Amino acid sequence: MAKNKSRSKIVKELDSAFSKFIRNRDSDGELCTCSTCGVQKPIKQMQAGHFMSRSKYSTRWDEENVHAQCAGCNMWKQGRQYEMSIYIDQKYYDGKADELLRKSNGIEKFSDVELIEKTKHYKELLK
C-alpha cells in the first residue's frame, strides 16, 4: 500500500481523516464550537485548528494540540494562538500549552507505514 502512494499523498489522507475526527470530536453531532471565539457552525464549516503549527510533525497529529476553529480564527487571525493556549490550559490543565510548545520543538519522524496506520485509526474512530 505505501509503495503505491507518494509521501505527500499519505500525509494528505492522514490530515483529512484527522481533521474530520477533530471536528466530530468537538461537536454535538451537528454543530461545532470554535475553541477561540465560541461561534457555533455546522461541522463542515469548521476547521481543525493547530495550536502549534502543522509544520511541526511532533504535534501535527496530537489530539491535544488540535481543536475545532472557525475559518476566521484559524486562517484570517493566524489561529489566535494566545486564545488557543488559554483554551488548552482550561480544557486539560495549567501548563499543557507550554508542554505542547516544548514537544513541538522536538523532532519526530514517522514512517509511511506509521502514517498509514494513523489514518486507519482515525477512519475507524469516525465509524
Protein backbone atom coordinates (compact mmCIF):
# COMPACT_ATOMS: atom_id res chain seq x y z
CA MET A 1 0.00 0.00 0.00
CA ALA A 2 2.70 2.51 1.00
CA LYS A 3 4.72 1.74 -2.13
CA ASN A 4 1.88 2.85 -4.40
CA LYS A 5 1.40 6.25 -2.77
CA SER A 6 3.69 9.21 -2.50
CA ARG A 7 4.59 10.51 0.94
CA SER A 8 2.63 13.70 0.27
CA LYS A 9 -0.50 11.71 -0.60
CA ILE A 10 -0.16 9.60 2.56
CA VAL A 11 0.17 12.76 4.69
CA LYS A 12 -2.77 14.41 2.90
CA GLU A 13 -5.02 11.39 3.61
CA LEU A 14 -3.99 11.38 7.27
CA ASP A 15 -4.59 15.14 7.55
CA SER A 16 -8.09 14.69 6.10
CA ALA A 17 -9.05 11.81 8.42
CA PHE A 18 -7.55 13.59 11.44
CA SER A 19 -9.35 16.85 10.63
CA LYS A 20 -12.70 15.05 10.35
CA PHE A 21 -12.03 13.28 13.65
CA ILE A 22 -11.19 16.56 15.45
CA ARG A 23 -14.26 18.38 14.12
CA ASN A 24 -16.52 15.47 15.05
CA ARG A 25 -14.91 15.13 18.48
CA ASP A 26 -15.51 18.82 19.15
CA SER A 27 -19.14 18.81 18.00
CA ASP A 28 -22.51 17.82 19.35
CA GLY A 29 -23.06 15.77 16.20
CA GLU A 30 -24.18 18.71 14.12
CA LEU A 31 -22.63 21.93 15.43
CA CYS A 32 -19.04 22.69 16.38
CA THR A 33 -17.99 25.44 18.73
CA CYS A 34 -14.86 27.40 17.84
CA SER A 35 -12.28 26.90 20.56
CA THR A 36 -11.09 30.51 20.35
CA CYS A 37 -14.12 32.73 19.66
CA GLY A 38 -17.04 30.49 20.65
CA VAL A 39 -19.01 30.78 17.39
CA GLN A 40 -21.09 27.70 16.55
CA LYS A 41 -21.28 26.39 12.99
CA PRO A 42 -22.01 23.10 11.22
CA ILE A 43 -19.11 20.62 11.32
CA LYS A 44 -18.31 21.03 7.62
CA GLN A 45 -17.88 24.79 8.04
CA MET A 46 -15.28 24.39 10.79
CA GLN A 47 -11.59 23.58 10.61
CA ALA A 48 -9.08 21.66 12.70
CA GLY A 49 -7.00 24.46 14.19
CA HIS A 50 -3.46 23.70 15.33
CA PHE A 51 -2.05 25.45 18.40
CA MET A 52 1.49 24.53 17.33
CA SER A 53 1.90 24.72 13.56
CA ARG A 54 1.15 21.80 11.25
CA SER A 55 4.75 22.12 10.07
CA LYS A 56 5.83 20.55 13.38
CA TYR A 57 5.35 16.80 12.85
CA SER A 58 5.85 16.10 16.57
CA THR A 59 2.50 17.80 17.32
CA ARG A 60 0.76 17.82 13.91
CA TRP A 61 -1.48 14.87 14.80
CA ASP A 62 -1.52 15.39 18.59
CA GLU A 63 -5.18 15.45 19.63
CA GLU A 64 -4.45 17.88 22.47
CA ASN A 65 -2.78 20.31 20.05
CA VAL A 66 -5.68 20.48 17.59
CA HIS A 67 -9.21 21.76 18.23
CA ALA A 68 -12.16 22.95 16.17
CA GLN A 69 -11.86 26.52 14.95
CA CYS A 70 -13.87 28.68 12.60
CA ALA A 71 -12.11 29.75 9.41
CA GLY A 72 -11.97 33.35 10.66
CA CYS A 73 -9.89 32.42 13.69
CA ASN A 74 -7.84 29.68 12.05
CA MET A 75 -6.96 31.35 8.76
CA TRP A 76 -7.51 35.08 8.95
CA LYS A 77 -6.45 35.55 12.55
CA GLN A 78 -3.49 33.15 12.37
CA GLY A 79 -5.10 30.63 14.73
CA ARG A 80 -5.40 33.11 17.61
CA GLN A 81 -2.56 31.25 19.29
CA TYR A 82 -2.80 33.13 22.60
CA GLU A 83 -6.52 32.38 22.97
CA MET A 84 -5.88 28.77 21.94
CA SER A 85 -3.25 28.42 24.67
CA ILE A 86 -5.78 29.62 27.26
CA TYR A 87 -8.38 27.19 25.90
CA ILE A 88 -5.91 24.28 26.06
CA ASP A 89 -4.85 25.07 29.63
CA GLN A 90 -8.51 25.31 30.69
CA LYS A 91 -9.51 22.11 28.87
CA TYR A 92 -6.63 19.97 30.12
CA TYR A 93 -4.58 21.59 32.89
CA ASP A 94 -2.40 24.63 33.56
CA GLY A 95 0.85 24.24 31.69
CA LYS A 96 -0.43 21.97 28.92
CA ALA A 97 0.11 24.66 26.26
CA ASP A 98 3.72 25.06 27.42
CA GLU A 99 4.18 21.28 27.19
CA LEU A 100 2.88 21.31 23.62
CA LEU A 101 5.24 24.15 22.76
CA ARG A 102 8.21 22.15 24.08
CA LYS A 103 7.00 18.98 22.35
CA SER A 104 6.63 20.82 19.04
CA ASN A 105 10.33 21.70 19.09
CA GLY A 106 11.31 18.04 19.23
CA ILE A 107 11.97 16.01 16.14
CA GLU A 108 9.65 13.13 15.37
CA LYS A 109 9.89 11.12 12.21
CA PHE A 110 7.10 8.83 11.07
CA SER A 111 7.48 6.08 8.50
CA ASP A 112 4.93 5.81 5.70
CA VAL A 113 3.59 2.67 7.38
CA GLU A 114 3.10 4.55 10.68
CA LEU A 115 1.24 7.34 8.89
CA ILE A 116 -1.00 4.84 7.09
CA GLU A 117 -1.75 3.15 10.43
CA LYS A 118 -2.67 6.53 11.95
CA THR A 119 -5.00 7.16 9.00
CA LYS A 120 -6.70 3.80 9.53
CA HIS A 121 -7.04 4.58 13.25
CA TYR A 122 -8.82 7.90 12.66
CA LYS A 123 -11.04 6.49 9.93
CA GLU A 124 -12.04 3.70 12.31
CA LEU A 125 -12.89 6.21 15.06
CA LEU A 126 -15.17 8.04 12.63
CA LYS A 127 -17.33 4.95 12.03
